[in-house]
Amino acid sequence: MLQRKLTRIELKPDDAKEFESFWKDLTQKRKQELQNASGHPTPSHNDSANTPHKTVSELVRERIGYHVKPQTTEGQALLK
């Protein structure tokens, strides 16, 4: 298999300016989003303490509607 020669990429001053302006715009948008998000009320720790913690498998079963029913064995059925 033939190997190509490496391609040299040169950074031009215009590219650097474009990147800087893009980066400034991006950071400004992120700051605005964080400020907007901080204005919303967050759930307090007391609210989360009242809800029971579920395992991942319980959350998946609840989401798909699968309810585990314990099966009785012959020995348990005879004891009743």
PDB file of N, CA and C in Angstrom:
ATOM      1  N   MET A   1       0.844  -1.165   0.000  1.00  0.00           N
ATOM      2  CA  MET A   1       0.000   0.000   0.000  1.00  0.00           C
ATOM      3  C   MET A   1       0.897   1.238   0.000  1.00  0.00           C
ATOM      4  N   LEU A   2       0.529   2.225  -0.806  1.00  0.00           N
ATOM      5  CA  LEU A   2       1.317   3.448  -0.897  1.00  0.00           C
ATOM      6  C   LEU A   2       0.933   4.405   0.218  1.00  0.00           C
ATOM      7  N   GLN A   3       1.909   5.082   0.729  1.00  0.00           N
ATOM      8  CA  GLN A   3       1.645   6.060   1.779  1.00  0.00           C
ATOM      9  C   GLN A   3       1.746   7.456   1.176  1.00  0.00           C
ATOM     10  N   ARG A   4       0.733   8.263   1.478  1.00  0.00           N
ATOM     11  CA  ARG A   4       0.750   9.633   0.976  1.00  0.00           C
ATOM     12  C   ARG A   4       1.713  10.473   1.792  1.00  0.00           C
ATOM     13  N   LYS A   5       2.199  11.515   1.172  1.00  0.00           N
ATOM     14  CA  LYS A   5       3.035  12.458   1.904  1.00  0.00           C
ATOM     15  C   LYS A   5       2.137  13.272   2.834  1.00  0.00           C
ATOM     16  N   LEU A   6       2.688  13.728   3.929  1.00  0.00           N
ATOM     17  CA  LEU A   6       1.931  14.505   4.892  1.00  0.00           C
ATOM     18  C   LEU A   6       1.516  15.844   4.295  1.00  0.00           C
ATOM     19  N   THR A   7       0.328  16.268   4.633  1.00  0.00           N
ATOM     20  CA  THR A   7      -0.184  17.541   4.157  1.00  0.00           C
ATOM     21  C   THR A   7       0.112  18.603   5.200  1.00  0.00           C
ATOM     22  N   ARG A   8       0.709  19.666   4.786  1.00  0.00           N
ATOM     23  CA  ARG A   8       1.051  20.741   5.709  1.00  0.00           C
ATOM     24  C   ARG A   8      -0.119  21.718   5.785  1.00  0.00           C
ATOM     25  N   ILE A   9      -0.540  21.997   7.003  1.00  0.00           N
ATOM     26  CA  ILE A   9      -1.636  22.935   7.221  1.00  0.00           C
ATOM     27  C   ILE A   9      -1.052  24.187   7.856  1.00  0.00           C
ATOM     28  N   GLU A  10      -1.272  25.302   7.210  1.00  0.00           N
ATOM     29  CA  GLU A  10      -0.739  26.562   7.719  1.00  0.00           C
ATOM     30  C   GLU A  10      -1.872  27.377   8.316  1.00  0.00           C
ATOM     31  N   LEU A  11      -1.604  27.954   9.462  1.00  0.00           N
ATOM     32  CA  LEU A  11      -2.584  28.786  10.137  1.00  0.00           C
ATOM     33  C   LEU A  11      -2.400  30.223   9.671  1.00  0.00           C
ATOM     34  N   LYS A  12      -3.439  30.782   9.098  1.00  0.00           N
ATOM     35  CA  LYS A  12      -3.388  32.148   8.597  1.00  0.00           C
ATOM     36  C   LYS A  12      -3.936  33.088   9.662  1.00  0.00           C
ATOM     37  N   PRO A  13      -3.554  34.347   9.629  1.00  0.00           N
ATOM     38  CA  PRO A  13      -4.069  35.310  10.623  1.00  0.00           C
ATOM     39  C   PRO A  13      -5.593  35.431  10.580  1.00  0.00           C
ATOM     40  N   ASP A  14      -6.170  35.321   9.414  1.00  0.00           N
ATOM     41  CA  ASP A  14      -7.628  35.397   9.300  1.00  0.00           C
ATOM     42  C   ASP A  14      -8.289  34.219  10.016  1.00  0.00           C
ATOM     43  N   ASP A  15      -7.675  33.055   9.914  1.00  0.00           N
ATOM     44  CA  ASP A  15      -8.214  31.878  10.595  1.00  0.00           C
ATOM     45  C   ASP A  15      -8.172  32.057  12.105  1.00  0.00           C
ATOM     46  N   ALA A  16      -7.090  32.628  12.613  1.00  0.00           N
ATOM     47  CA  ALA A  16      -6.960  32.852  14.051  1.00  0.00           C
ATOM     48  C   ALA A  16      -8.012  33.851  14.530  1.00  0.00           C
ATOM     49  N   LYS A  17      -8.239  34.898  13.769  1.00  0.00           N
ATOM     50  CA  LYS A  17      -9.252  35.899  14.143  1.00  0.00           C
ATOM     51  C   LYS A  17     -10.649  35.281  14.126  1.00  0.00           C
ATOM     52  N   GLU A  18     -10.919  34.483  13.118  1.00  0.00           N
ATOM     53  CA  GLU A  18     -12.223  33.832  13.020  1.00  0.00           C
ATOM     54  C   GLU A  18     -12.444  32.887  14.204  1.00  0.00           C
ATOM     55  N   PHE A  19     -11.418  32.151  14.575  1.00  0.00           N
ATOM     56  CA  PHE A  19     -11.535  31.244  15.708  1.00  0.00           C
ATOM     57  C   PHE A  19     -11.768  32.014  17.002  1.00  0.00           C
ATOM     58  N   GLU A  20     -11.058  33.105  17.209  1.00  0.00           N
ATOM     59  CA  GLU A  20     -11.227  33.906  18.419  1.00  0.00           C
ATOM     60  C   GLU A  20     -12.637  34.472  18.509  1.00  0.00           C
ATOM     61  N   SER A  21     -13.174  34.968  17.406  1.00  0.00           N
ATOM     62  CA  SER A  21     -14.537  35.511  17.433  1.00  0.00           C
ATOM     63  C   SER A  21     -15.551  34.396  17.684  1.00  0.00           C
ATOM     64  N   PHE A  22     -15.337  33.248  17.081  1.00  0.00           N
ATOM     65  CA  PHE A  22     -16.224  32.109  17.313  1.00  0.00           C
ATOM     66  C   PHE A  22     -16.183  31.693  18.776  1.00  0.00           C
ATOM     67  N   TRP A  23     -14.981  31.642  19.357  1.00  0.00           N
ATOM     68  CA  TRP A  23     -14.823  31.215  20.745  1.00  0.00           C
ATOM     69  C   TRP A  23     -15.483  32.212  21.699  1.00  0.00           C
ATOM     70  N   LYS A  24     -15.360  33.501  21.422  1.00  0.00           N
ATOM     71  CA  LYS A  24     -15.999  34.524  22.259  1.00  0.00           C
ATOM     72  C   LYS A  24     -17.515  34.387  22.203  1.00  0.00           C
ATOM     73  N   ASP A  25     -18.058  34.193  21.014  1.00  0.00           N
ATOM     74  CA  ASP A  25     -19.507  34.023  20.872  1.00  0.00           C
ATOM     75  C   ASP A  25     -19.985  32.789  21.631  1.00  0.00           C
ATOM     76  N   LEU A  26     -19.241  31.720  21.524  1.00  0.00           N
ATOM     77  CA  LEU A  26     -19.616  30.482  22.195  1.00  0.00           C
ATOM     78  C   LEU A  26     -19.597  30.647  23.713  1.00  0.00           C
ATOM     79  N   THR A  27     -18.583  31.282  24.247  1.00  0.00           N
ATOM     80  CA  THR A  27     -18.512  31.476  25.700  1.00  0.00           C
ATOM     81  C   THR A  27     -19.608  32.413  26.182  1.00  0.00           C
ATOM     82  N   GLN A  28     -19.957  33.415  25.403  1.00  0.00           N
ATOM     83  CA  GLN A  28     -21.045  34.321  25.785  1.00  0.00           C
ATOM     84  C   GLN A  28     -22.370  33.576  25.814  1.00  0.00           C
ATOM     85  N   LYS A  29     -22.613  32.715  24.847  1.00  0.00           N
ATOM     86  CA  LYS A  29     -23.852  31.934  24.821  1.00  0.00           C
ATOM     87  C   LYS A  29     -23.924  31.006  26.018  1.00  0.00           C
ATOM     88  N   ARG A  30     -22.807  30.385  26.360  1.00  0.00           N
ATOM     89  CA  ARG A  30     -22.788  29.487  27.520  1.00  0.00           C
ATOM     90  C   ARG A  30     -23.074  30.249  28.807  1.00  0.00           C
ATOM     91  N   LYS A  31     -22.490  31.432  28.949  1.00  0.00           N
ATOM     92  CA  LYS A  31     -22.733  32.236  30.146  1.00  0.00           C
ATOM     93  C   LYS A  31     -24.203  32.626  30.243  1.00  0.00           C
ATOM     94  N   GLN A  32     -24.808  33.004  29.125  1.00  0.00           N
ATOM     95  CA  GLN A  32     -26.223  33.373  29.120  1.00  0.00           C
ATOM     96  C   GLN A  32     -27.092  32.181  29.480  1.00  0.00           C
ATOM     97  N   GLU A  33     -26.768  31.016  28.951  1.00  0.00           N
ATOM     98  CA  GLU A  33     -27.545  29.818  29.272  1.00  0.00           C
ATOM     99  C   GLU A  33     -27.434  29.474  30.747  1.00  0.00           C
ATOM    100  N   LEU A  34     -26.252  29.615  31.315  1.00  0.00           N
ATOM    101  CA  LEU A  34     -26.072  29.343  32.742  1.00  0.00           C
ATOM    102  C   LEU A  34     -26.841  30.344  33.593  1.00  0.00           C
ATOM    103  N   GLN A  35     -26.855  31.601  33.182  1.00  0.00           N
ATOM    104  CA  GLN A  35     -27.595  32.616  33.925  1.00  0.00           C
ATOM    105  C   GLN A  35     -29.090  32.362  33.827  1.00  0.00           C
ATOM    106  N   ASN A  36     -29.564  31.972  32.658  1.00  0.00           N
ATOM    107  CA  ASN A  36     -30.985  31.676  32.491  1.00  0.00           C
ATOM    108  C   ASN A  36     -31.373  30.436  33.286  1.00  0.00           C
ATOM    109  N   ALA A  37     -30.512  29.452  33.305  1.00  0.00           N
ATOM    110  CA  ALA A  37     -30.804  28.219  34.029  1.00  0.00           C
ATOM    111  C   ALA A  37     -30.776  28.440  35.535  1.00  0.00           C
ATOM    112  N   SER A  38     -29.939  29.343  36.003  1.00  0.00           N
ATOM    113  CA  SER A  38     -29.850  29.581  37.440  1.00  0.00           C
ATOM    114  C   SER A  38     -31.068  30.342  37.947  1.00  0.00           C
ATOM    115  N   GLY A  39     -31.826  30.971  37.084  1.00  0.00           N
ATOM    116  CA  GLY A  39     -33.024  31.697  37.488  1.00  0.00           C
ATOM    117  C   GLY A  39     -34.175  30.784  37.848  1.00  0.00           C
ATOM    118  N   HIS A  40     -34.147  29.541  37.383  1.00  0.00           N
ATOM    119  CA  HIS A  40     -35.213  28.591  37.674  1.00  0.00           C
ATOM    120  C   HIS A  40     -35.012  27.995  39.062  1.00  0.00           C
ATOM    121  N   PRO A  41     -36.094  27.742  39.776  1.00  0.00           N
ATOM    122  CA  PRO A  41     -35.938  27.135  41.094  1.00  0.00           C
ATOM    123  C   PRO A  41     -35.432  25.702  40.980  1.00  0.00           C
ATOM    124  N   THR A  42     -34.544  25.354  41.868  1.00  0.00           N
ATOM    125  CA  THR A  42     -34.001  24.000  41.879  1.00  0.00           C
ATOM    126  C   THR A  42     -34.655  23.216  42.994  1.00  0.00           C
ATOM    127  N   PRO A  43     -34.811  21.907  42.835  1.00  0.00           N
ATOM    128  CA  PRO A  43     -35.420  21.115  43.904  1.00  0.00           C
ATOM    129  C   PRO A  43     -34.522  21.111  45.132  1.00  0.00           C
ATOM    130  N   SER A  44     -35.144  21.236  46.286  1.00  0.00           N
ATOM    131  CA  SER A  44     -34.368  21.262  47.518  1.00  0.00           C
ATOM    132  C   SER A  44     -34.002  19.846  47.928  1.00  0.00           C
ATOM    133  N   HIS A  45     -33.107  19.741  48.874  1.00  0.00           N
ATOM    134  CA  HIS A  45     -32.675  18.427  49.348  1.00  0.00           C
ATOM    135  C   HIS A  45     -33.788  17.740  50.122  1.00  0.00           C
ATOM    136  N   ASN A  46     -34.694  18.498  50.722  1.00  0.00           N
ATOM    137  CA  ASN A  46     -35.787  17.896  51.481  1.00  0.00           C
ATOM    138  C   ASN A  46     -36.745  17.143  50.570  1.00  0.00           C
ATOM    139  N   ASP A  47     -36.966  17.660  49.366  1.00  0.00           N
ATOM    140  CA  ASP A  47     -37.863  16.989  48.429  1.00  0.00           C
ATOM    141  C   ASP A  47     -37.297  15.636  48.008  1.00  0.00           C
ATOM    142  N   SER A  48     -36.001  15.584  47.781  1.00  0.00           N
ATOM    143  CA  SER A  48     -35.407  14.328  47.333  1.00  0.00           C
ATOM    144  C   SER A  48     -35.312  13.317  48.468  1.00  0.00           C
ATOM    145  N   ALA A  49     -35.317  13.778  49.711  1.00  0.00           N
ATOM    146  CA  ALA A  49     -35.226  12.854  50.842  1.00  0.00           C
ATOM    147  C   ALA A  49     -36.532  12.087  51.027  1.00  0.00           C
ATOM    148  N   ASN A  50     -37.654  12.667  50.608  1.00  0.00           N
ATOM    149  CA  ASN A  50     -38.949  12.020  50.780  1.00  0.00           C
ATOM    150  C   ASN A  50     -39.206  10.940  49.739  1.00  0.00           C
ATOM    151  N   THR A  51     -38.553  11.007  48.595  1.00  0.00           N
ATOM    152  CA  THR A  51     -38.784  10.025  47.545  1.00  0.00           C
ATOM    153  C   THR A  51     -37.890   8.813  47.779  1.00  0.00           C
ATOM    154  N   PRO A  52     -38.429   7.610  47.611  1.00  0.00           N
ATOM    155  CA  PRO A  52     -37.601   6.418  47.810  1.00  0.00           C
ATOM    156  C   PRO A  52     -36.610   6.262  46.661  1.00  0.00           C
ATOM    157  N   HIS A  53     -35.440   5.786  46.971  1.00  0.00           N
ATOM    158  CA  HIS A  53     -34.421   5.564  45.952  1.00  0.00           C
ATOM    159  C   HIS A  53     -34.650   4.193  45.326  1.00  0.00           C
ATOM    160  N   LYS A  54     -34.665   4.169  44.002  1.00  0.00           N
ATOM    161  CA  LYS A  54     -34.901   2.923  43.280  1.00  0.00           C
ATOM    162  C   LYS A  54     -33.641   2.524  42.539  1.00  0.00           C
ATOM    163  N   THR A  55     -33.485   1.243  42.361  1.00  0.00           N
ATOM    164  CA  THR A  55     -32.344   0.757  41.600  1.00  0.00           C
ATOM    165  C   THR A  55     -32.621   0.952  40.116  1.00  0.00           C
ATOM    166  N   VAL A  56     -31.588   0.799  39.336  1.00  0.00           N
ATOM    167  CA  VAL A  56     -31.727   0.974  37.894  1.00  0.00           C
ATOM    168  C   VAL A  56     -32.696  -0.046  37.328  1.00  0.00           C
ATOM    169  N   SER A  57     -32.603  -1.280  37.796  1.00  0.00           N
ATOM    170  CA  SER A  57     -33.491  -2.319  37.271  1.00  0.00           C
ATOM    171  C   SER A  57     -34.948  -2.020  37.635  1.00  0.00           C
ATOM    172  N   GLU A  58     -35.190  -1.467  38.825  1.00  0.00           N
ATOM    173  CA  GLU A  58     -36.558  -1.102  39.206  1.00  0.00           C
ATOM    174  C   GLU A  58     -37.084   0.022  38.324  1.00  0.00           C
ATOM    175  N   LEU A  59     -36.227   1.005  38.021  1.00  0.00           N
ATOM    176  CA  LEU A  59     -36.647   2.103  37.153  1.00  0.00           C
ATOM    177  C   LEU A  59     -36.965   1.605  35.748  1.00  0.00           C
ATOM    178  N   VAL A  60     -36.159   0.680  35.239  1.00  0.00           N
ATOM    179  CA  VAL A  60     -36.399   0.135  33.899  1.00  0.00           C
ATOM    180  C   VAL A  60     -37.691  -0.658  33.887  1.00  0.00           C
ATOM    181  N   ARG A  61     -37.897  -1.495  34.893  1.00  0.00           N
ATOM    182  CA  ARG A  61     -39.128  -2.289  34.960  1.00  0.00           C
ATOM    183  C   ARG A  61     -40.356  -1.399  35.044  1.00  0.00           C
ATOM    184  N   GLU A  62     -40.259  -0.328  35.821  1.00  0.00           N
ATOM    185  CA  GLU A  62     -41.384   0.597  35.946  1.00  0.00           C
ATOM    186  C   GLU A  62     -41.665   1.286  34.616  1.00  0.00           C
ATOM    187  N   ARG A  63     -40.605   1.661  33.907  1.00  0.00           N
ATOM    188  CA  ARG A  63     -40.758   2.369  32.642  1.00  0.00           C
ATOM    189  C   ARG A  63     -41.399   1.490  31.576  1.00  0.00           C
ATOM    190  N   ILE A  64     -41.019   0.206  31.523  1.00  0.00           N
ATOM    191  CA  ILE A  64     -41.559  -0.672  30.485  1.00  0.00           C
ATOM    192  C   ILE A  64     -42.831  -1.377  30.922  1.00  0.00           C
ATOM    193  N   GLY A  65     -43.219  -1.208  32.191  1.00  0.00           N
ATOM    194  CA  GLY A  65     -44.464  -1.793  32.663  1.00  0.00           C
ATOM    195  C   GLY A  65     -44.352  -3.240  33.078  1.00  0.00           C
ATOM    196  N   TYR A  66     -43.177  -3.686  33.426  1.00  0.00           N
ATOM    197  CA  TYR A  66     -42.968  -5.069  33.852  1.00  0.00           C
ATOM    198  C   TYR A  66     -43.069  -5.131  35.367  1.00  0.00           C
ATOM    199  N   HIS A  67     -44.016  -5.919  35.861  1.00  0.00           N
ATOM    200  CA  HIS A  67     -44.211  -6.063  37.295  1.00  0.00           C
ATOM    201  C   HIS A  67     -43.888  -7.501  37.682  1.00  0.00           C
ATOM    202  N   VAL A  68     -42.933  -7.647  38.563  1.00  0.00           N
ATOM    203  CA  VAL A  68     -42.479  -8.970  38.977  1.00  0.00           C
ATOM    204  C   VAL A  68     -43.495  -9.564  39.936  1.00  0.00           C
ATOM    205  N   LYS A  69     -43.956 -10.768  39.605  1.00  0.00           N
ATOM    206  CA  LYS A  69     -44.880 -11.488  40.482  1.00  0.00           C
ATOM    207  C   LYS A  69     -44.134 -12.681  41.048  1.00  0.00           C
ATOM    208  N   PRO A  70     -44.036 -12.788  42.359  1.00  0.00           N
ATOM    209  CA  PRO A  70     -43.325 -13.937  42.920  1.00  0.00           C
ATOM    210  C   PRO A  70     -44.080 -15.226  42.619  1.00  0.00           C
ATOM    211  N   GLN A  71     -43.353 -16.228  42.170  1.00  0.00           N
ATOM    212  CA  GLN A  71     -43.964 -17.512  41.844  1.00  0.00           C
ATOM    213  C   GLN A  71     -43.855 -18.434  43.049  1.00  0.00           C
ATOM    214  N   THR A  72     -44.922 -19.124  43.316  1.00  0.00           N
ATOM    215  CA  THR A  72     -44.909 -20.061  44.436  1.00  0.00           C
ATOM    216  C   THR A  72     -44.418 -21.415  43.953  1.00  0.00           C
ATOM    217  N   THR A  73     -43.676 -22.063  44.790  1.00  0.00           N
ATOM    218  CA  THR A  73     -43.227 -23.417  44.465  1.00  0.00           C
ATOM    219  C   THR A  73     -44.236 -24.399  45.044  1.00  0.00           C
ATOM    220  N   GLU A  74     -44.093 -25.634  44.726  1.00  0.00           N
ATOM    221  CA  GLU A  74     -45.048 -26.638  45.204  1.00  0.00           C
ATOM    222  C   GLU A  74     -45.041 -26.730  46.719  1.00  0.00           C
ATOM    223  N   GLY A  75     -43.886 -26.615  47.336  1.00  0.00           N
ATOM    224  CA  GLY A  75     -43.790 -26.711  48.786  1.00  0.00           C
ATOM    225  C   GLY A  75     -44.482 -25.548  49.476  1.00  0.00           C
ATOM    226  N   GLN A  76     -44.363 -24.358  48.928  1.00  0.00           N
ATOM    227  CA  GLN A  76     -45.014 -23.193  49.525  1.00  0.00           C
ATOM    228  C   GLN A  76     -46.518 -23.265  49.330  1.00  0.00           C
ATOM    229  N   ALA A  77     -46.962 -23.797  48.210  1.00  0.00           N
ATOM    230  CA  ALA A  77     -48.395 -23.900  47.958  1.00  0.00           C
ATOM    231  C   ALA A  77     -49.037 -24.891  48.917  1.00  0.00           C
ATOM    232  N   LEU A  78     -48.330 -25.937  49.296  1.00  0.00           N
ATOM    233  CA  LEU A  78     -48.875 -26.929  50.218  1.00  0.00           C
ATOM    234  C   LEU A  78     -48.974 -26.397  51.643  1.00  0.00           C
ATOM    235  N   LEU A  79     -48.103 -25.459  52.008  1.00  0.00           N
ATOM    236  CA  LEU A  79     -48.121 -24.917  53.360  1.00  0.00           C
ATOM    237  C   LEU A  79     -49.323 -24.013  53.594  1.00  0.00           C
ATOM    238  N   LYS A  80     -49.895 -23.469  52.555  1.00  0.00           N
ATOM    239  CA  LYS A  80     -51.025 -22.542  52.706  1.00  0.00           C
ATOM    240  C   LYS A  80     -52.266 -23.264  52.918  1.00  0.00           C
TER     241      LYS A  80
END
